[in-house]
Amino acid sequence: MILLDSKSKDFHHILWRFNKQDPISIYQLQTVTYGSRTAPFLACNTLNTIGKQISDIDIEIGIIIIHDFYVDDLITGGNSIYEAKIIQEKSSSTLKDNGFYLRKWISNCSAILENIPKNDLAQAGIDLQDKSSTFHKSLGLKWCPISDTLLFEYTIENQKTWSKRNLLKDLGKVYDPLGLICPITTTFKMIFQEFWIN
């Protein structure tokens, strides 16, 4: 939760009534509203500020907060179960102290999830022994906690004739914010370049 500056609060009012019979009431918002133009910037900037402030106390958690968030998803890990538990506990408490409550936790190790309240888990009662477990979405990708693999789903439409337009359209459908499949998309771009040369 990000508090609004006192000068801005006068511009953040909503009309509300709890029942149709109640008179309309005017409420002044105290926090940044999701959906406002500045919300994404303020959320990311606030996380970076918290990360920099905490770096003076705990450099590792500060670096994780600054570098391991993608919008509102914390995607991180540890070299051992103990280290991952410490990261989970410290990042949760640090951000909770600053008005951000982390939830929807998921891990490929049930020991890391055992002390997290069930309503804070991404999927209550996930069975890590079940090999048919579903994938979880993050960053537009699908991640399977059992095999610790990422899945990119992409369908190429069967074209009667390949044109530059069709090739560019298919290339634009690839969503890879982390650049994990860059070697494949780069090859695709080189093929596209060959089309232009010929």
N, C-alpha and C. Protein backbone atom coordinates (compact mmCIF):
# COMPACT_ATOMS: atom_id res chain seq x y z
N MET A 1 0.85 -1.16 0.00
CA MET A 1 0.00 0.00 0.00
C MET A 1 0.90 1.23 0.00
N ILE A 2 0.62 2.14 -0.90
CA ILE A 2 1.42 3.37 -1.02
C ILE A 2 0.51 4.54 -0.64
N LEU A 3 0.90 5.27 0.39
CA LEU A 3 0.09 6.40 0.84
C LEU A 3 0.21 7.57 -0.13
N LEU A 4 -0.88 8.27 -0.31
CA LEU A 4 -0.89 9.46 -1.16
C LEU A 4 -0.27 10.64 -0.42
N ASP A 5 0.35 11.52 -1.17
CA ASP A 5 0.85 12.77 -0.63
C ASP A 5 -0.35 13.59 -0.17
N SER A 6 -0.20 14.33 0.92
CA SER A 6 -1.33 15.09 1.47
C SER A 6 -1.89 16.10 0.46
N LYS A 7 -1.04 16.64 -0.41
CA LYS A 7 -1.51 17.61 -1.42
C LYS A 7 -2.37 16.93 -2.49
N SER A 8 -2.17 15.63 -2.71
CA SER A 8 -2.88 14.91 -3.77
C SER A 8 -4.20 14.31 -3.31
N LYS A 9 -4.41 14.19 -2.01
CA LYS A 9 -5.60 13.52 -1.50
C LYS A 9 -6.89 14.20 -1.94
N ASP A 10 -6.86 15.53 -2.10
CA ASP A 10 -8.07 16.26 -2.50
C ASP A 10 -8.53 15.87 -3.91
N PHE A 11 -7.67 15.27 -4.69
CA PHE A 11 -8.01 14.88 -6.06
C PHE A 11 -8.41 13.40 -6.16
N HIS A 12 -8.48 12.75 -5.02
CA HIS A 12 -8.79 11.31 -4.99
C HIS A 12 -10.01 11.06 -4.11
N HIS A 13 -11.17 11.29 -4.68
CA HIS A 13 -12.43 11.03 -3.99
C HIS A 13 -13.25 10.02 -4.78
N ILE A 14 -14.05 9.26 -4.06
CA ILE A 14 -14.99 8.36 -4.72
C ILE A 14 -16.38 8.56 -4.11
N LEU A 15 -17.39 8.28 -4.91
CA LEU A 15 -18.76 8.28 -4.44
C LEU A 15 -19.12 6.84 -4.13
N TRP A 16 -19.76 6.63 -2.98
CA TRP A 16 -20.03 5.26 -2.59
C TRP A 16 -21.27 5.17 -1.71
N ARG A 17 -21.97 4.08 -1.87
CA ARG A 17 -23.03 3.73 -0.93
C ARG A 17 -23.05 2.21 -0.82
N PHE A 18 -23.33 1.74 0.39
CA PHE A 18 -23.29 0.31 0.64
C PHE A 18 -24.58 -0.38 0.20
N ASN A 19 -25.70 0.33 0.26
CA ASN A 19 -27.00 -0.19 -0.19
C ASN A 19 -27.64 0.83 -1.09
N LYS A 20 -28.52 0.38 -1.95
CA LYS A 20 -29.20 1.30 -2.87
C LYS A 20 -30.05 2.33 -2.12
N GLN A 21 -30.49 1.99 -0.92
CA GLN A 21 -31.33 2.89 -0.16
C GLN A 21 -30.51 3.96 0.58
N ASP A 22 -29.24 3.71 0.81
CA ASP A 22 -28.38 4.66 1.54
C ASP A 22 -28.11 5.89 0.70
N PRO A 23 -27.91 7.03 1.35
CA PRO A 23 -27.50 8.21 0.59
C PRO A 23 -26.06 8.04 0.10
N ILE A 24 -25.72 8.71 -0.97
CA ILE A 24 -24.36 8.62 -1.51
C ILE A 24 -23.40 9.37 -0.59
N SER A 25 -22.30 8.72 -0.29
CA SER A 25 -21.27 9.32 0.57
C SER A 25 -20.03 9.57 -0.27
N ILE A 26 -19.26 10.58 0.13
CA ILE A 26 -18.00 10.91 -0.55
C ILE A 26 -16.86 10.48 0.37
N TYR A 27 -15.99 9.65 -0.18
CA TYR A 27 -14.82 9.18 0.57
C TYR A 27 -13.55 9.71 -0.07
N GLN A 28 -12.61 10.07 0.77
CA GLN A 28 -11.30 10.51 0.28
C GLN A 28 -10.33 9.34 0.41
N LEU A 29 -9.70 9.01 -0.71
CA LEU A 29 -8.76 7.90 -0.72
C LEU A 29 -7.45 8.32 -0.05
N GLN A 30 -6.85 7.38 0.66
CA GLN A 30 -5.60 7.64 1.36
C GLN A 30 -4.40 6.98 0.67
N THR A 31 -4.70 6.01 -0.20
CA THR A 31 -3.62 5.26 -0.85
C THR A 31 -3.75 5.36 -2.37
N VAL A 32 -2.66 5.05 -3.05
CA VAL A 32 -2.65 5.05 -4.52
C VAL A 32 -3.60 3.96 -4.99
N THR A 33 -4.44 4.32 -5.93
CA THR A 33 -5.44 3.39 -6.45
C THR A 33 -4.88 2.61 -7.62
N TYR A 34 -5.08 1.29 -7.58
CA TYR A 34 -4.69 0.46 -8.72
C TYR A 34 -5.51 0.91 -9.93
N GLY A 35 -4.85 1.11 -11.04
CA GLY A 35 -5.55 1.55 -12.25
C GLY A 35 -5.27 3.01 -12.57
N SER A 36 -4.75 3.77 -11.61
CA SER A 36 -4.39 5.16 -11.93
C SER A 36 -3.12 5.16 -12.76
N ARG A 37 -2.91 6.20 -13.51
CA ARG A 37 -1.76 6.24 -14.43
C ARG A 37 -0.41 6.10 -13.73
N THR A 38 -0.31 6.64 -12.55
CA THR A 38 0.98 6.64 -11.86
C THR A 38 1.23 5.37 -11.04
N ALA A 39 0.21 4.54 -10.85
CA ALA A 39 0.33 3.38 -9.95
C ALA A 39 1.49 2.44 -10.31
N PRO A 40 1.67 2.03 -11.59
CA PRO A 40 2.78 1.11 -11.88
C PRO A 40 4.15 1.72 -11.54
N PHE A 41 4.34 2.99 -11.91
CA PHE A 41 5.62 3.64 -11.60
C PHE A 41 5.82 3.75 -10.10
N LEU A 42 4.79 4.19 -9.38
CA LEU A 42 4.92 4.37 -7.94
C LEU A 42 5.20 3.05 -7.23
N ALA A 43 4.56 1.97 -7.67
CA ALA A 43 4.79 0.66 -7.06
C ALA A 43 6.24 0.22 -7.25
N CYS A 44 6.73 0.31 -8.50
CA CYS A 44 8.11 -0.11 -8.78
C CYS A 44 9.12 0.80 -8.09
N ASN A 45 8.86 2.09 -8.11
CA ASN A 45 9.77 3.04 -7.48
C ASN A 45 9.81 2.86 -5.96
N THR A 46 8.65 2.57 -5.37
CA THR A 46 8.59 2.35 -3.93
C THR A 46 9.36 1.08 -3.56
N LEU A 47 9.23 0.03 -4.35
CA LEU A 47 10.00 -1.19 -4.08
C LEU A 47 11.50 -0.93 -4.17
N ASN A 48 11.91 -0.15 -5.18
CA ASN A 48 13.34 0.18 -5.31
C ASN A 48 13.82 1.00 -4.12
N THR A 49 13.00 1.93 -3.66
CA THR A 49 13.37 2.76 -2.51
C THR A 49 13.50 1.90 -1.26
N ILE A 50 12.55 1.00 -1.05
CA ILE A 50 12.62 0.09 0.10
C ILE A 50 13.88 -0.77 0.00
N GLY A 51 14.17 -1.29 -1.19
CA GLY A 51 15.36 -2.11 -1.39
C GLY A 51 16.64 -1.35 -1.07
N LYS A 52 16.71 -0.09 -1.50
CA LYS A 52 17.91 0.72 -1.21
C LYS A 52 18.03 1.01 0.28
N GLN A 53 16.89 1.30 0.94
CA GLN A 53 16.93 1.58 2.38
C GLN A 53 17.34 0.36 3.19
N ILE A 54 16.80 -0.80 2.81
CA ILE A 54 17.10 -2.03 3.57
C ILE A 54 18.52 -2.52 3.28
N SER A 55 19.11 -2.10 2.15
CA SER A 55 20.48 -2.52 1.81
C SER A 55 21.49 -2.09 2.86
N ASP A 56 21.20 -1.00 3.57
CA ASP A 56 22.10 -0.56 4.64
C ASP A 56 22.10 -1.54 5.80
N ILE A 57 20.97 -2.24 5.99
CA ILE A 57 20.83 -3.18 7.10
C ILE A 57 21.13 -4.61 6.65
N ASP A 58 20.54 -4.99 5.51
CA ASP A 58 20.67 -6.36 4.99
C ASP A 58 20.85 -6.28 3.47
N ILE A 59 22.09 -6.32 3.03
CA ILE A 59 22.41 -6.13 1.62
C ILE A 59 21.75 -7.18 0.72
N GLU A 60 21.70 -8.44 1.17
CA GLU A 60 21.14 -9.51 0.34
C GLU A 60 19.65 -9.29 0.07
N ILE A 61 18.88 -8.97 1.10
CA ILE A 61 17.44 -8.74 0.93
C ILE A 61 17.22 -7.47 0.12
N GLY A 62 18.04 -6.46 0.32
CA GLY A 62 17.94 -5.24 -0.47
C GLY A 62 18.12 -5.51 -1.96
N ILE A 63 19.12 -6.30 -2.29
CA ILE A 63 19.39 -6.66 -3.70
C ILE A 63 18.23 -7.47 -4.27
N ILE A 64 17.70 -8.40 -3.48
CA ILE A 64 16.56 -9.21 -3.95
C ILE A 64 15.36 -8.33 -4.23
N ILE A 65 15.06 -7.39 -3.33
CA ILE A 65 13.91 -6.50 -3.54
C ILE A 65 14.11 -5.63 -4.77
N ILE A 66 15.32 -5.16 -5.00
CA ILE A 66 15.59 -4.29 -6.15
C ILE A 66 15.58 -5.08 -7.46
N HIS A 67 16.20 -6.26 -7.48
CA HIS A 67 16.43 -6.95 -8.75
C HIS A 67 15.52 -8.14 -9.06
N ASP A 68 14.86 -8.71 -8.05
CA ASP A 68 14.12 -9.95 -8.29
C ASP A 68 12.60 -9.76 -8.40
N PHE A 69 12.15 -8.52 -8.46
CA PHE A 69 10.73 -8.26 -8.69
C PHE A 69 10.53 -7.97 -10.16
N TYR A 70 9.49 -8.56 -10.71
CA TYR A 70 9.03 -8.19 -12.05
C TYR A 70 7.61 -7.70 -11.87
N VAL A 71 7.42 -6.40 -11.95
CA VAL A 71 6.17 -5.71 -11.63
C VAL A 71 5.82 -6.07 -10.19
N ASP A 72 4.85 -6.98 -9.96
CA ASP A 72 4.50 -7.32 -8.58
C ASP A 72 4.78 -8.78 -8.24
N ASP A 73 5.57 -9.46 -9.05
CA ASP A 73 5.95 -10.84 -8.78
C ASP A 73 7.39 -10.90 -8.30
N LEU A 74 7.59 -11.48 -7.12
CA LEU A 74 8.94 -11.72 -6.62
C LEU A 74 9.35 -13.11 -7.09
N ILE A 75 10.37 -13.16 -7.93
CA ILE A 75 10.85 -14.43 -8.46
C ILE A 75 12.32 -14.55 -8.07
N THR A 76 12.57 -15.40 -7.09
CA THR A 76 13.91 -15.52 -6.56
C THR A 76 14.14 -16.94 -6.08
N GLY A 77 15.28 -17.20 -5.53
CA GLY A 77 15.60 -18.54 -5.04
C GLY A 77 16.81 -18.50 -4.15
N GLY A 78 17.18 -19.67 -3.66
CA GLY A 78 18.34 -19.78 -2.80
C GLY A 78 19.15 -21.02 -3.15
N ASN A 79 20.35 -21.09 -2.63
CA ASN A 79 21.22 -22.23 -2.89
C ASN A 79 20.91 -23.43 -2.00
N SER A 80 20.09 -23.20 -0.97
CA SER A 80 19.68 -24.29 -0.08
C SER A 80 18.27 -23.99 0.41
N ILE A 81 17.64 -25.01 0.99
CA ILE A 81 16.28 -24.82 1.54
C ILE A 81 16.34 -23.80 2.67
N TYR A 82 17.36 -23.90 3.51
CA TYR A 82 17.51 -22.96 4.63
C TYR A 82 17.61 -21.52 4.11
N GLU A 83 18.45 -21.31 3.10
CA GLU A 83 18.62 -19.96 2.54
C GLU A 83 17.32 -19.44 1.93
N ALA A 84 16.59 -20.31 1.22
CA ALA A 84 15.32 -19.91 0.61
C ALA A 84 14.29 -19.53 1.68
N LYS A 85 14.27 -20.28 2.80
CA LYS A 85 13.35 -19.95 3.89
C LYS A 85 13.68 -18.59 4.49
N ILE A 86 14.97 -18.33 4.67
CA ILE A 86 15.40 -17.04 5.24
C ILE A 86 15.01 -15.90 4.30
N ILE A 87 15.23 -16.09 3.01
CA ILE A 87 14.86 -15.06 2.02
C ILE A 87 13.35 -14.82 2.07
N GLN A 88 12.56 -15.88 2.13
CA GLN A 88 11.10 -15.75 2.17
C GLN A 88 10.68 -14.98 3.42
N GLU A 89 11.22 -15.35 4.57
CA GLU A 89 10.84 -14.72 5.83
C GLU A 89 11.26 -13.25 5.88
N LYS A 90 12.52 -12.98 5.50
CA LYS A 90 13.02 -11.60 5.57
C LYS A 90 12.34 -10.69 4.55
N SER A 91 12.15 -11.17 3.32
CA SER A 91 11.51 -10.32 2.31
C SER A 91 10.06 -10.05 2.70
N SER A 92 9.37 -11.06 3.23
CA SER A 92 7.99 -10.88 3.68
C SER A 92 7.90 -9.85 4.79
N SER A 93 8.72 -10.01 5.82
CA SER A 93 8.62 -9.09 6.97
C SER A 93 9.06 -7.68 6.59
N THR A 94 10.10 -7.56 5.78
CA THR A 94 10.58 -6.24 5.37
C THR A 94 9.50 -5.49 4.59
N LEU A 95 8.90 -6.17 3.63
CA LEU A 95 7.89 -5.51 2.82
C LEU A 95 6.60 -5.29 3.59
N LYS A 96 6.26 -6.20 4.50
CA LYS A 96 5.06 -6.01 5.33
C LYS A 96 5.22 -4.77 6.21
N ASP A 97 6.43 -4.57 6.75
CA ASP A 97 6.70 -3.38 7.57
C ASP A 97 6.54 -2.09 6.76
N ASN A 98 6.63 -2.20 5.45
CA ASN A 98 6.52 -1.02 4.58
C ASN A 98 5.19 -0.98 3.81
N GLY A 99 4.22 -1.79 4.24
CA GLY A 99 2.89 -1.72 3.67
C GLY A 99 2.63 -2.61 2.47
N PHE A 100 3.57 -3.49 2.14
CA PHE A 100 3.38 -4.43 1.03
C PHE A 100 3.26 -5.83 1.62
N TYR A 101 2.15 -6.49 1.34
CA TYR A 101 1.92 -7.82 1.88
C TYR A 101 2.11 -8.84 0.77
N LEU A 102 3.15 -9.66 0.86
CA LEU A 102 3.42 -10.67 -0.16
C LEU A 102 2.54 -11.89 0.07
N ARG A 103 1.95 -12.36 -0.99
CA ARG A 103 1.12 -13.56 -0.92
C ARG A 103 1.25 -14.33 -2.22
N LYS A 104 0.49 -15.40 -2.36
CA LYS A 104 0.55 -16.30 -3.52
C LYS A 104 1.94 -16.93 -3.66
N TRP A 105 2.47 -17.40 -2.52
CA TRP A 105 3.78 -18.04 -2.52
C TRP A 105 3.70 -19.40 -3.20
N ILE A 106 4.74 -19.73 -3.95
CA ILE A 106 4.85 -21.04 -4.60
C ILE A 106 6.34 -21.41 -4.61
N SER A 107 6.62 -22.67 -4.45
CA SER A 107 8.00 -23.15 -4.46
C SER A 107 8.01 -24.57 -4.99
N ASN A 108 9.18 -25.01 -5.43
CA ASN A 108 9.31 -26.40 -5.85
C ASN A 108 9.76 -27.28 -4.69
N CYS A 109 9.74 -26.72 -3.48
CA CYS A 109 10.12 -27.46 -2.28
C CYS A 109 9.06 -27.23 -1.20
N SER A 110 8.40 -28.30 -0.78
CA SER A 110 7.32 -28.16 0.20
C SER A 110 7.82 -27.67 1.56
N ALA A 111 9.09 -27.91 1.89
CA ALA A 111 9.64 -27.46 3.17
C ALA A 111 9.64 -25.93 3.28
N ILE A 112 9.78 -25.26 2.17
CA ILE A 112 9.78 -23.79 2.17
C ILE A 112 8.37 -23.25 2.42
N LEU A 113 7.36 -23.98 1.99
CA LEU A 113 5.98 -23.53 2.10
C LEU A 113 5.31 -23.92 3.41
N GLU A 114 5.92 -24.79 4.20
CA GLU A 114 5.23 -25.35 5.36
C GLU A 114 4.87 -24.33 6.44
N ASN A 115 5.61 -23.25 6.60
CA ASN A 115 5.31 -22.26 7.64
C ASN A 115 4.54 -21.05 7.12
N ILE A 116 4.14 -21.10 5.86
CA ILE A 116 3.38 -19.99 5.28
C ILE A 116 1.89 -20.31 5.43
N PRO A 117 1.09 -19.34 5.92
CA PRO A 117 -0.35 -19.60 6.06
C PRO A 117 -0.97 -20.04 4.73
N LYS A 118 -1.92 -20.97 4.80
CA LYS A 118 -2.53 -21.55 3.58
C LYS A 118 -3.13 -20.49 2.66
N ASN A 119 -3.74 -19.44 3.26
CA ASN A 119 -4.35 -18.42 2.41
C ASN A 119 -3.33 -17.51 1.73
N ASP A 120 -2.04 -17.65 2.08
CA ASP A 120 -0.98 -16.89 1.42
C ASP A 120 -0.28 -17.69 0.33
N LEU A 121 -0.68 -18.94 0.15
CA LEU A 121 -0.08 -19.78 -0.88
C LEU A 121 -0.77 -19.53 -2.22
N ALA A 122 -0.02 -19.75 -3.30
CA ALA A 122 -0.59 -19.56 -4.64
C ALA A 122 -1.72 -20.54 -4.88
N GLN A 123 -1.55 -21.74 -4.43
CA GLN A 123 -2.58 -22.76 -4.60
C GLN A 123 -2.62 -23.55 -3.30
N ALA A 124 -3.71 -23.43 -2.57
CA ALA A 124 -3.81 -24.11 -1.28
C ALA A 124 -3.66 -25.62 -1.46
N GLY A 125 -2.80 -26.20 -0.65
CA GLY A 125 -2.64 -27.65 -0.65
C GLY A 125 -2.00 -28.22 -1.90
N ILE A 126 -1.04 -27.53 -2.50
CA ILE A 126 -0.37 -28.06 -3.69
C ILE A 126 0.40 -29.32 -3.31
N ASP A 127 0.25 -30.35 -4.13
CA ASP A 127 0.90 -31.63 -3.88
C ASP A 127 2.12 -31.73 -4.78
N LEU A 128 3.30 -31.57 -4.20
CA LEU A 128 4.53 -31.61 -5.00
C LEU A 128 4.89 -33.02 -5.44
N GLN A 129 4.19 -34.03 -4.90
CA GLN A 129 4.42 -35.41 -5.34
C GLN A 129 3.58 -35.76 -6.57
N ASP A 130 2.54 -34.95 -6.82
CA ASP A 130 1.64 -35.21 -7.94
C ASP A 130 2.31 -34.75 -9.23
N LYS A 131 2.68 -35.70 -10.08
CA LYS A 131 3.39 -35.39 -11.32
C LYS A 131 2.49 -34.71 -12.36
N SER A 132 1.17 -34.77 -12.15
CA SER A 132 0.27 -34.13 -13.10
C SER A 132 -0.10 -32.72 -12.66
N SER A 133 0.68 -32.18 -11.73
CA SER A 133 0.40 -30.85 -11.19
C SER A 133 0.36 -29.81 -12.30
N THR A 134 -0.46 -28.83 -12.10
CA THR A 134 -0.62 -27.80 -13.11
C THR A 134 0.55 -26.81 -13.10
N PHE A 135 0.67 -26.12 -14.21
CA PHE A 135 1.67 -25.07 -14.31
C PHE A 135 1.13 -23.80 -13.66
N HIS A 136 2.02 -22.97 -13.19
CA HIS A 136 1.65 -21.68 -12.60
C HIS A 136 2.18 -20.59 -13.49
N LYS A 137 1.36 -19.57 -13.73
CA LYS A 137 1.76 -18.50 -14.64
C LYS A 137 2.52 -17.41 -13.90
N SER A 138 3.56 -16.95 -14.54
CA SER A 138 4.33 -15.81 -14.05
C SER A 138 5.09 -15.22 -15.22
N LEU A 139 5.07 -13.93 -15.34
CA LEU A 139 5.75 -13.22 -16.42
C LEU A 139 5.26 -13.66 -17.80
N GLY A 140 4.03 -14.10 -17.89
CA GLY A 140 3.51 -14.57 -19.16
C GLY A 140 4.01 -15.95 -19.54
N LEU A 141 4.74 -16.59 -18.63
CA LEU A 141 5.26 -17.93 -18.85
C LEU A 141 4.55 -18.91 -17.93
N LYS A 142 4.68 -20.17 -18.22
CA LYS A 142 4.15 -21.20 -17.33
C LYS A 142 5.33 -21.90 -16.67
N TRP A 143 5.23 -22.05 -15.35
CA TRP A 143 6.29 -22.70 -14.57
C TRP A 143 5.71 -23.90 -13.86
N CYS A 144 6.38 -25.04 -13.96
CA CYS A 144 5.98 -26.25 -13.26
C CYS A 144 6.90 -26.44 -12.05
N PRO A 145 6.36 -26.33 -10.83
CA PRO A 145 7.21 -26.46 -9.65
C PRO A 145 7.78 -27.87 -9.45
N ILE A 146 7.11 -28.88 -9.96
CA ILE A 146 7.60 -30.25 -9.78
C ILE A 146 8.91 -30.47 -10.53
N SER A 147 8.92 -30.12 -11.82
CA SER A 147 10.12 -30.33 -12.64
C SER A 147 11.00 -29.08 -12.70
N ASP A 148 10.52 -27.97 -12.11
CA ASP A 148 11.23 -26.68 -12.15
C ASP A 148 11.58 -26.30 -13.59
N THR A 149 10.56 -26.35 -14.44
CA THR A 149 10.75 -26.00 -15.84
C THR A 149 9.79 -24.90 -16.25
N LEU A 150 10.22 -24.13 -17.25
CA LEU A 150 9.36 -23.11 -17.83
C LEU A 150 8.82 -23.61 -19.16
N LEU A 151 7.59 -23.25 -19.44
CA LEU A 151 6.96 -23.66 -20.68
C LEU A 151 6.57 -22.42 -21.48
N PHE A 152 7.02 -22.37 -22.71
CA PHE A 152 6.61 -21.32 -23.63
C PHE A 152 5.59 -21.93 -24.58
N GLU A 153 4.42 -21.36 -24.60
CA GLU A 153 3.40 -21.85 -25.54
C GLU A 153 3.33 -20.88 -26.70
N TYR A 154 3.43 -21.44 -27.87
CA TYR A 154 3.40 -20.61 -29.07
C TYR A 154 2.84 -21.43 -30.21
N THR A 155 1.88 -20.88 -30.91
CA THR A 155 1.29 -21.59 -32.04
C THR A 155 1.56 -20.81 -33.31
N ILE A 156 2.10 -21.49 -34.27
CA ILE A 156 2.33 -20.87 -35.58
C ILE A 156 1.17 -21.27 -36.49
N GLU A 157 0.51 -20.27 -37.01
CA GLU A 157 -0.59 -20.56 -37.92
C GLU A 157 -0.03 -21.14 -39.22
N ASN A 158 -0.72 -22.13 -39.74
CA ASN A 158 -0.29 -22.76 -40.98
C ASN A 158 -0.62 -21.80 -42.13
N GLN A 159 0.40 -21.24 -42.72
CA GLN A 159 0.22 -20.27 -43.81
C GLN A 159 0.31 -20.98 -45.16
N LYS A 160 -0.57 -20.57 -46.06
CA LYS A 160 -0.47 -21.11 -47.42
C LYS A 160 0.79 -20.58 -48.08
N THR A 161 1.02 -19.31 -47.90
CA THR A 161 2.25 -18.70 -48.40
C THR A 161 2.83 -17.84 -47.29
N TRP A 162 4.13 -17.95 -47.13
CA TRP A 162 4.78 -17.14 -46.12
C TRP A 162 5.15 -15.80 -46.73
N SER A 163 4.76 -14.76 -46.06
CA SER A 163 5.11 -13.41 -46.51
C SER A 163 5.85 -12.71 -45.38
N LYS A 164 6.44 -11.58 -45.71
CA LYS A 164 7.13 -10.80 -44.67
C LYS A 164 6.15 -10.37 -43.59
N ARG A 165 4.95 -10.02 -44.02
CA ARG A 165 3.93 -9.59 -43.08
C ARG A 165 3.56 -10.72 -42.11
N ASN A 166 3.34 -11.93 -42.65
CA ASN A 166 2.98 -13.07 -41.80
C ASN A 166 4.11 -13.43 -40.84
N LEU A 167 5.34 -13.39 -41.32
CA LEU A 167 6.49 -13.70 -40.49
C LEU A 167 6.63 -12.69 -39.35
N LEU A 168 6.49 -11.41 -39.68
CA LEU A 168 6.58 -10.36 -38.67
C LEU A 168 5.44 -10.46 -37.66
N LYS A 169 4.25 -10.82 -38.13
CA LYS A 169 3.09 -10.99 -37.25
C LYS A 169 3.35 -12.12 -36.25
N ASP A 170 3.90 -13.23 -36.71
CA ASP A 170 4.19 -14.35 -35.82
C ASP A 170 5.32 -14.01 -34.84
N LEU A 171 6.30 -13.28 -35.30
CA LEU A 171 7.41 -12.87 -34.42
C LEU A 171 6.90 -11.96 -33.31
N GLY A 172 5.93 -11.11 -33.62
CA GLY A 172 5.37 -10.19 -32.64
C GLY A 172 4.55 -10.88 -31.56
N LYS A 173 4.15 -12.12 -31.78
CA LYS A 173 3.36 -12.86 -30.80
C LYS A 173 4.21 -13.44 -29.67
N VAL A 174 5.51 -13.48 -29.86
CA VAL A 174 6.40 -14.08 -28.86
C VAL A 174 6.56 -13.11 -27.70
N TYR A 175 6.20 -13.57 -26.51
CA TYR A 175 6.35 -12.76 -25.29
C TYR A 175 7.44 -13.39 -24.44
N ASP A 176 8.57 -12.73 -24.35
CA ASP A 176 9.73 -13.23 -23.62
C ASP A 176 10.41 -12.07 -22.89
N PRO A 177 9.82 -11.57 -21.79
CA PRO A 177 10.38 -10.40 -21.12
C PRO A 177 11.77 -10.62 -20.54
N LEU A 178 12.12 -11.85 -20.25
CA LEU A 178 13.43 -12.14 -19.66
C LEU A 178 14.49 -12.52 -20.69
N GLY A 179 14.08 -12.67 -21.96
CA GLY A 179 15.03 -13.03 -23.01
C GLY A 179 15.50 -14.47 -22.93
N LEU A 180 14.70 -15.35 -22.33
CA LEU A 180 15.11 -16.74 -22.15
C LEU A 180 15.17 -17.51 -23.46
N ILE A 181 14.33 -17.15 -24.42
CA ILE A 181 14.35 -17.85 -25.70
C ILE A 181 14.92 -16.95 -26.80
N CYS A 182 15.76 -16.04 -26.39
CA CYS A 182 16.39 -15.11 -27.34
C CYS A 182 17.14 -15.83 -28.47
N PRO A 183 17.85 -16.93 -28.21
CA PRO A 183 18.52 -17.61 -29.32
C PRO A 183 17.54 -18.06 -30.42
N ILE A 184 16.34 -18.44 -30.02
CA ILE A 184 15.34 -18.87 -31.00
C ILE A 184 14.77 -17.67 -31.73
N THR A 185 14.40 -16.62 -30.98
CA THR A 185 13.80 -15.45 -31.63
C THR A 185 14.83 -14.72 -32.50
N THR A 186 16.10 -14.76 -32.10
CA THR A 186 17.15 -14.14 -32.93
C THR A 186 17.28 -14.87 -34.26
N THR A 187 17.22 -16.20 -34.22
CA THR A 187 17.25 -16.98 -35.46
C THR A 187 16.08 -16.61 -36.35
N PHE A 188 14.91 -16.47 -35.72
CA PHE A 188 13.70 -16.07 -36.44
C PHE A 188 13.90 -14.69 -37.10
N LYS A 189 14.53 -13.78 -36.36
CA LYS A 189 14.78 -12.43 -36.88
C LYS A 189 15.80 -12.48 -38.03
N MET A 190 16.77 -13.40 -37.95
CA MET A 190 17.76 -13.53 -39.04
C MET A 190 17.09 -14.06 -40.30
N ILE A 191 16.14 -14.98 -40.13
CA ILE A 191 15.37 -15.47 -41.29
C ILE A 191 14.59 -14.31 -41.90
N PHE A 192 14.00 -13.49 -41.03
CA PHE A 192 13.26 -12.32 -41.50
C PHE A 192 14.18 -11.36 -42.28
N GLN A 193 15.39 -11.19 -41.78
CA GLN A 193 16.37 -10.34 -42.45
C GLN A 193 16.71 -10.89 -43.84
N GLU A 194 16.83 -12.21 -43.93
CA GLU A 194 17.08 -12.85 -45.23
C GLU A 194 15.94 -12.58 -46.21
N PHE A 195 14.71 -12.61 -45.71
CA PHE A 195 13.56 -12.29 -46.56
C PHE A 195 13.69 -10.89 -47.16
N TRP A 196 14.13 -9.93 -46.32
CA TRP A 196 14.27 -8.55 -46.80
C TRP A 196 15.39 -8.42 -47.84
N ILE A 197 16.48 -9.16 -47.62
CA ILE A 197 17.61 -9.09 -48.57
C ILE A 197 17.20 -9.67 -49.91
N ASN A 198 16.47 -10.77 -49.88
CA ASN A 198 16.05 -11.42 -51.12
C ASN A 198 14.80 -10.76 -51.64
